[in-house]
C-alpha atoms as a PDB file:
ATOM      1  CA  MET A   1    -104.054 -67.635  28.783  1.00  0.00           C
ATOM      2  CA  SER A   2    -106.399 -69.940  27.593  1.00  0.00           C
ATOM      3  CA  ILE A   3    -109.283 -67.432  28.339  1.00  0.00           C
ATOM      4  CA  CYS A   4    -107.431 -64.318  26.727  1.00  0.00           C
ATOM      5  CA  CYS A   5    -106.612 -66.265  23.814  1.00  0.00           C
ATOM      6  CA  LEU A   6    -110.103 -67.165  23.231  1.00  0.00           C
ATOM      7  CA  MET A   7    -111.023 -63.194  23.525  1.00  0.00           C
ATOM      8  CA  ILE A   8    -108.743 -61.861  21.635  1.00  0.00           C
ATOM      9  CA  LEU A   9    -109.552 -64.782  19.020  1.00  0.00           C
ATOM     10  CA  GLY A  10    -113.634 -64.062  19.221  1.00  0.00           C
ATOM     11  CA  ARG A  11    -112.707 -59.966  18.935  1.00  0.00           C
ATOM     12  CA  ALA A  12    -110.692 -60.889  16.068  1.00  0.00           C
ATOM     13  CA  LEU A  13    -113.989 -63.213  14.549  1.00  0.00           C
ATOM     14  CA  MET A  14    -116.498 -59.867  15.461  1.00  0.00           C
ATOM     15  CA  VAL A  15    -114.387 -57.434  13.695  1.00  0.00           C
ATOM     16  CA  THR A  16    -112.935 -59.073  10.948  1.00  0.00           C
ATOM     17  CA  GLY A  17    -116.289 -59.820   9.537  1.00  0.00           C
ATOM     18  CA  ALA A  18    -115.328 -63.530   9.294  1.00  0.00           C
ATOM     19  CA  LEU A  19    -119.150 -64.665  11.294  1.00  0.00           C
ATOM     20  CA  GLU A  20    -121.377 -62.939   9.001  1.00  0.00           C
ATOM     21  CA  PRO A  21    -121.906 -65.802   6.129  1.00  0.00           C
ATOM     22  CA  LEU A  22    -122.955 -67.752   9.660  1.00  0.00           C
ATOM     23  CA  ALA A  23    -125.469 -65.759  10.821  1.00  0.00           C
ATOM     24  CA  ARG A  24    -127.003 -64.933   6.961  1.00  0.00           C
ATOM     25  CA  LEU A  25    -126.721 -68.872   6.590  1.00  0.00           C
ATOM     26  CA  LEU A  26    -128.677 -69.489  10.045  1.00  0.00           C
ATOM     27  CA  ALA A  27    -130.735 -66.288  10.188  1.00  0.00           C
ATOM     28  CA  ARG A  28    -132.052 -68.086   6.375  1.00  0.00           C
ATOM     29  CA  LEU A  29    -132.503 -71.297   8.445  1.00  0.00           C
ATOM     30  CA  TRP A  30    -134.770 -69.283  10.322  1.00  0.00           C
ATOM     31  CA  VAL A  31    -136.298 -68.241   7.003  1.00  0.00           C
ATOM     32  CA  PHE A  32    -137.000 -71.808   5.841  1.00  0.00           C
ATOM     33  CA  ASN A  33    -137.425 -73.698   8.533  1.00  0.00           C
ATOM     34  CA  ARG A  34    -136.972 -72.528  13.240  1.00  0.00           C
ATOM     35  CA  HIS A  35    -136.786 -75.619  14.088  1.00  0.00           C
ATOM     36  CA  VAL A  36    -133.680 -76.325  11.805  1.00  0.00           C
ATOM     37  CA  ALA A  37    -132.580 -73.383  13.389  1.00  0.00           C
ATOM     38  CA  LEU A  38    -132.617 -73.560  16.737  1.00  0.00           C
ATOM     39  CA  LEU A  39    -130.603 -77.373  16.418  1.00  0.00           C
ATOM     40  CA  ALA A  40    -128.032 -75.378  14.160  1.00  0.00           C
ATOM     41  CA  LEU A  41    -128.586 -72.940  17.498  1.00  0.00           C
ATOM     42  CA  LEU A  42    -127.843 -76.106  19.802  1.00  0.00           C
ATOM     43  CA  ALA A  43    -125.793 -77.683  17.691  1.00  0.00           C
ATOM     44  CA  SER A  44    -122.499 -74.668  18.131  1.00  0.00           C
ATOM     45  CA  ALA A  45    -123.959 -74.152  21.459  1.00  0.00           C
ATOM     46  CA  MET A  46    -122.268 -77.274  22.454  1.00  0.00           C
ATOM     47  CA  ALA A  47    -119.901 -77.155  20.122  1.00  0.00           C
ATOM     48  CA  LEU A  48    -119.148 -74.515  22.778  1.00  0.00           C
ATOM     49  CA  SER A  49    -118.730 -75.894  24.910  1.00  0.00           C
ATOM     50  CA  ALA A  50    -116.906 -79.031  23.776  1.00  0.00           C
ATOM     51  CA  PHE A  51    -113.899 -76.484  22.848  1.00  0.00           C
ATOM     52  CA  ILE A  52    -114.278 -75.120  25.969  1.00  0.00           C
ATOM     53  CA  ASN A  53    -114.447 -77.813  28.363  1.00  0.00           C
ATOM     54  CA  ASP A  54    -111.584 -79.388  26.724  1.00  0.00           C
ATOM     55  CA  THR A  55    -109.359 -76.580  27.689  1.00  0.00           C
ATOM     56  CA  PRO A  56    -107.841 -75.712  31.218  1.00  0.00           C
ATOM     57  CA  VAL A  57    -110.432 -73.284  32.005  1.00  0.00           C
ATOM     58  CA  VAL A  58    -110.413 -74.893  35.508  1.00  0.00           C
ATOM     59  CA  VAL A  59    -106.913 -74.584  35.739  1.00  0.00           C
ATOM     60  CA  VAL A  60    -106.906 -71.510  34.967  1.00  0.00           C
ATOM     61  CA  LEU A  61    -109.629 -69.984  36.605  1.00  0.00           C
ATOM     62  CA  MET A  62    -108.301 -72.426  40.196  1.00  0.00           C
ATOM     63  CA  PRO A  63    -105.051 -69.154  41.503  1.00  0.00           C
ATOM     64  CA  VAL A  64    -107.444 -66.922  41.195  1.00  0.00           C
ATOM     65  CA  VAL A  65    -110.422 -69.301  43.469  1.00  0.00           C
ATOM     66  CA  ILE A  66    -107.717 -71.138  45.567  1.00  0.00           C
ATOM     67  CA  GLY A  67    -107.991 -67.954  48.852  1.00  0.00           C
ATOM     68  CA  LEU A  68    -112.073 -68.191  48.630  1.00  0.00           C
ATOM     69  CA  SER A  69    -114.235 -69.224  50.515  1.00  0.00           C
ATOM     70  CA  PRO A  70    -116.643 -71.450  48.907  1.00  0.00           C
ATOM     71  CA  GLN A  71    -119.205 -69.222  49.879  1.00  0.00           C
ATOM     72  CA  ALA A  72    -117.556 -66.032  47.714  1.00  0.00           C
ATOM     73  CA  ILE A  73    -116.766 -69.112  44.751  1.00  0.00           C
ATOM     74  CA  LEU A  74    -120.661 -69.216  44.188  1.00  0.00           C
ATOM     75  CA  ALA A  75    -120.996 -66.100  43.890  1.00  0.00           C
ATOM     76  CA  ALA A  76    -117.485 -65.694  41.394  1.00  0.00           C
ATOM     77  CA  VAL A  77    -119.824 -69.080  38.942  1.00  0.00           C
ATOM     78  CA  MET A  78    -122.710 -66.397  39.407  1.00  0.00           C
ATOM     79  CA  VAL A  79    -121.066 -63.158  38.471  1.00  0.00           C
ATOM     80  CA  PHE A  80    -118.774 -64.929  36.269  1.00  0.00           C
ATOM     81  CA  LEU A  81    -122.437 -66.779  34.234  1.00  0.00           C
ATOM     82  CA  GLY A  82    -124.286 -63.626  34.450  1.00  0.00           C
ATOM     83  CA  ILE A  83    -121.729 -61.989  32.178  1.00  0.00           C
ATOM     84  CA  LEU A  84    -121.367 -64.654  29.398  1.00  0.00           C
ATOM     85  CA  THR A  85    -125.462 -64.734  29.225  1.00  0.00           C
ATOM     86  CA  ASN A  86    -125.594 -61.510  28.483  1.00  0.00           C
ATOM     87  CA  PHE A  87    -124.207 -61.780  25.348  1.00  0.00           C
ATOM     88  CA  VAL A  88    -124.315 -65.946  23.788  1.00  0.00           C
ATOM     89  CA  SER A  89    -127.935 -67.882  24.632  1.00  0.00           C
ATOM     90  CA  ASN A  90    -128.162 -69.040  27.670  1.00  0.00           C
ATOM     91  CA  ASN A  91    -128.590 -72.690  26.628  1.00  0.00           C
ATOM     92  CA  ALA A  92    -124.612 -72.116  25.718  1.00  0.00           C
ATOM     93  CA  ALA A  93    -123.387 -70.250  29.460  1.00  0.00           C
ATOM     94  CA  ALA A  94    -125.715 -74.062  30.800  1.00  0.00           C
ATOM     95  CA  ALA A  95    -123.565 -76.556  29.000  1.00  0.00           C
ATOM     96  CA  VAL A  96    -120.182 -74.546  29.114  1.00  0.00           C
ATOM     97  CA  GLY A  97    -120.586 -72.686  32.897  1.00  0.00           C
ATOM     98  CA  THR A  98    -122.247 -76.129  34.389  1.00  0.00           C
ATOM     99  CA  PRO A  99    -118.940 -78.599  34.071  1.00  0.00           C
ATOM    100  CA  VAL A 100    -116.978 -76.017  35.134  1.00  0.00           C
ATOM    101  CA  ALA A 101    -118.427 -74.993  38.595  1.00  0.00           C
ATOM    102  CA  LEU A 102    -119.514 -78.887  39.465  1.00  0.00           C
ATOM    103  CA  SER A 103    -115.577 -79.466  38.476  1.00  0.00           C
ATOM    104  CA  ILE A 104    -114.507 -76.257  40.755  1.00  0.00           C
ATOM    105  CA  ALA A 105    -116.894 -77.660  43.503  1.00  0.00           C
ATOM    106  CA  GLN A 106    -114.942 -80.836  43.341  1.00  0.00           C
ATOM    107  CA  GLN A 107    -110.834 -80.095  43.727  1.00  0.00           C
ATOM    108  CA  ILE A 108    -111.782 -77.718  46.680  1.00  0.00           C
ATOM    109  CA  GLY A 109    -114.477 -80.305  47.904  1.00  0.00           C
ATOM    110  CA  ALA A 110    -117.566 -78.296  48.768  1.00  0.00           C
ATOM    111  CA  PRO A 111    -120.503 -80.332  48.094  1.00  0.00           C
ATOM    112  CA  LEU A 112    -122.680 -80.219  44.274  1.00  0.00           C
ATOM    113  CA  GLU A 113    -125.667 -78.623  44.324  1.00  0.00           C
ATOM    114  CA  PRO A 114    -124.775 -75.849  45.713  1.00  0.00           C
ATOM    115  CA  PHE A 115    -122.628 -75.044  42.322  1.00  0.00           C
ATOM    116  CA  VAL A 116    -125.182 -76.041  40.087  1.00  0.00           C
ATOM    117  CA  LEU A 117    -128.218 -74.271  41.983  1.00  0.00           C
ATOM    118  CA  ALA A 118    -125.860 -71.639  41.702  1.00  0.00           C
ATOM    119  CA  ALA A 119    -124.920 -72.145  37.782  1.00  0.00           C
ATOM    120  CA  ILE A 120    -128.160 -72.493  36.874  1.00  0.00           C
ATOM    121  CA  VAL A 121    -129.183 -69.125  38.439  1.00  0.00           C
ATOM    122  CA  GLY A 122    -125.712 -67.473  37.156  1.00  0.00           C
ATOM    123  CA  CYS A 123    -127.028 -69.069  33.481  1.00  0.00           C
ATOM    124  CA  ASN A 124    -130.403 -66.806  34.406  1.00  0.00           C
ATOM    125  CA  LEU A 125    -129.202 -63.405  34.394  1.00  0.00           C
ATOM    126  CA  SER A 126    -129.969 -62.199  31.117  1.00  0.00           C
ATOM    127  CA  PHE A 127    -130.984 -58.783  32.016  1.00  0.00           C
ATOM    128  CA  ALA A 128    -128.574 -55.923  31.133  1.00  0.00           C
ATOM    129  CA  THR A 129    -127.828 -56.678  27.188  1.00  0.00           C
ATOM    130  CA  PRO A 130    -131.105 -57.095  24.241  1.00  0.00           C
ATOM    131  CA  MET A 131    -128.699 -60.029  22.984  1.00  0.00           C
ATOM    132  CA  GLY A 132    -128.906 -61.694  27.249  1.00  0.00           C
ATOM    133  CA  TYR A 133    -132.558 -62.849  25.016  1.00  0.00           C
ATOM    134  CA  GLN A 134    -134.476 -63.619  22.027  1.00  0.00           C
ATOM    135  CA  THR A 135    -137.300 -61.388  24.005  1.00  0.00           C
ATOM    136  CA  ASN A 136    -135.455 -58.941  24.540  1.00  0.00           C
ATOM    137  CA  VAL A 137    -134.683 -58.313  21.879  1.00  0.00           C
ATOM    138  CA  LEU A 138    -138.164 -58.604  20.652  1.00  0.00           C
ATOM    139  CA  ILE A 139    -139.244 -55.647  23.340  1.00  0.00           C
ATOM    140  CA  MET A 140    -136.167 -53.571  21.634  1.00  0.00           C
ATOM    141  CA  GLN A 141    -138.556 -51.708  18.651  1.00  0.00           C
ATOM    142  CA  PRO A 142    -141.453 -51.647  19.756  1.00  0.00           C
ATOM    143  CA  GLY A 143    -140.469 -49.854  23.173  1.00  0.00           C
ATOM    144  CA  GLY A 144    -138.039 -47.610  21.341  1.00  0.00           C
ATOM    145  CA  TYR A 145    -134.778 -48.983  24.009  1.00  0.00           C
ATOM    146  CA  VAL A 146    -131.356 -48.613  23.294  1.00  0.00           C
ATOM    147  CA  PHE A 147    -128.454 -50.596  24.776  1.00  0.00           C
ATOM    148  CA  ARG A 148    -127.984 -48.883  27.620  1.00  0.00           C
ATOM    149  CA  ASP A 149    -131.631 -48.942  28.269  1.00  0.00           C
ATOM    150  CA  PHE A 150    -131.055 -53.089  29.453  1.00  0.00           C
ATOM    151  CA  VAL A 151    -127.679 -51.601  31.015  1.00  0.00           C
ATOM    152  CA  ARG A 152    -129.850 -49.247  33.633  1.00  0.00           C
ATOM    153  CA  VAL A 153    -132.474 -51.309  34.298  1.00  0.00           C
ATOM    154  CA  GLY A 154    -130.387 -54.959  33.991  1.00  0.00           C
ATOM    155  CA  GLY A 155    -127.606 -55.047  35.586  1.00  0.00           C
ATOM    156  CA  PRO A 156    -128.348 -53.491  38.651  1.00  0.00           C
ATOM    157  CA  LEU A 157    -131.314 -56.712  39.010  1.00  0.00           C
ATOM    158  CA  VAL A 158    -128.382 -58.678  37.866  1.00  0.00           C
ATOM    159  CA  VAL A 159    -126.423 -57.016  40.216  1.00  0.00           C
ATOM    160  CA  LEU A 160    -128.913 -57.795  43.471  1.00  0.00           C
ATOM    161  CA  MET A 161    -129.976 -61.391  42.430  1.00  0.00           C
ATOM    162  CA  ILE A 162    -126.540 -62.132  42.725  1.00  0.00           C
ATOM    163  CA  VAL A 163    -126.342 -60.544  45.333  1.00  0.00           C
ATOM    164  CA  ALA A 164    -130.127 -62.058  47.472  1.00  0.00           C
ATOM    165  CA  PHE A 165    -128.947 -65.763  46.035  1.00  0.00           C
ATOM    166  CA  SER A 166    -125.195 -65.507  46.958  1.00  0.00           C
ATOM    167  CA  LEU A 167    -126.798 -65.136  50.737  1.00  0.00           C
ATOM    168  CA  LYS A 168    -129.406 -67.199  50.586  1.00  0.00           C
ATOM    169  CA  LEU A 169    -127.048 -70.085  49.034  1.00  0.00           C
ATOM    170  CA  ALA A 170    -124.986 -69.455  52.188  1.00  0.00           C
ATOM    171  CA  SER A 171    -127.265 -69.589  54.540  1.00  0.00           C
ATOM    172  CA  SER A 172    -129.130 -73.742  53.007  1.00  0.00           C
ATOM    173  CA  TYR A 173    -125.545 -74.997  52.458  1.00  0.00           C
ATOM    174  CA  PRO A 174    -122.950 -74.417  55.066  1.00  0.00           C
ATOM    175  CA  MET A 175    -120.004 -74.855  53.887  1.00  0.00           C
END
């Protein structure tokens, strides 16, 4: 329920333009001093992480994953973070997803290491959208790419990486 509320709130902030002043501020900071802008971005990512981790996200997700095997839960963690990292920075995805992954591992009694690895891989699957990573945005205009090009090439690559790494984790860490 809280995740749905956050999604609706996020969409409302985007549609109403309430985030425009923040975007303009970050753009000015970037021109003025890139280090300050980077610190502001990291601070906002950490604030998002604190907000998400203080809400019972794991309580909401646990009924979904209760009937799954630990290997399927590892894949689900990578899918969740792979989707998240394509719309926010990989740092923000890691700040949000790693504590959730660790909490899920502790609640199902699984070893922590494969869940940390799943979180690391999931947070770096930013191939499917241009806003997933800075270099994706940088090459978009000079290369003549459109959003659809990233989804067409990056989407299957994300799926391939999730399948391959899920199989590798399942064989390396029997649970």
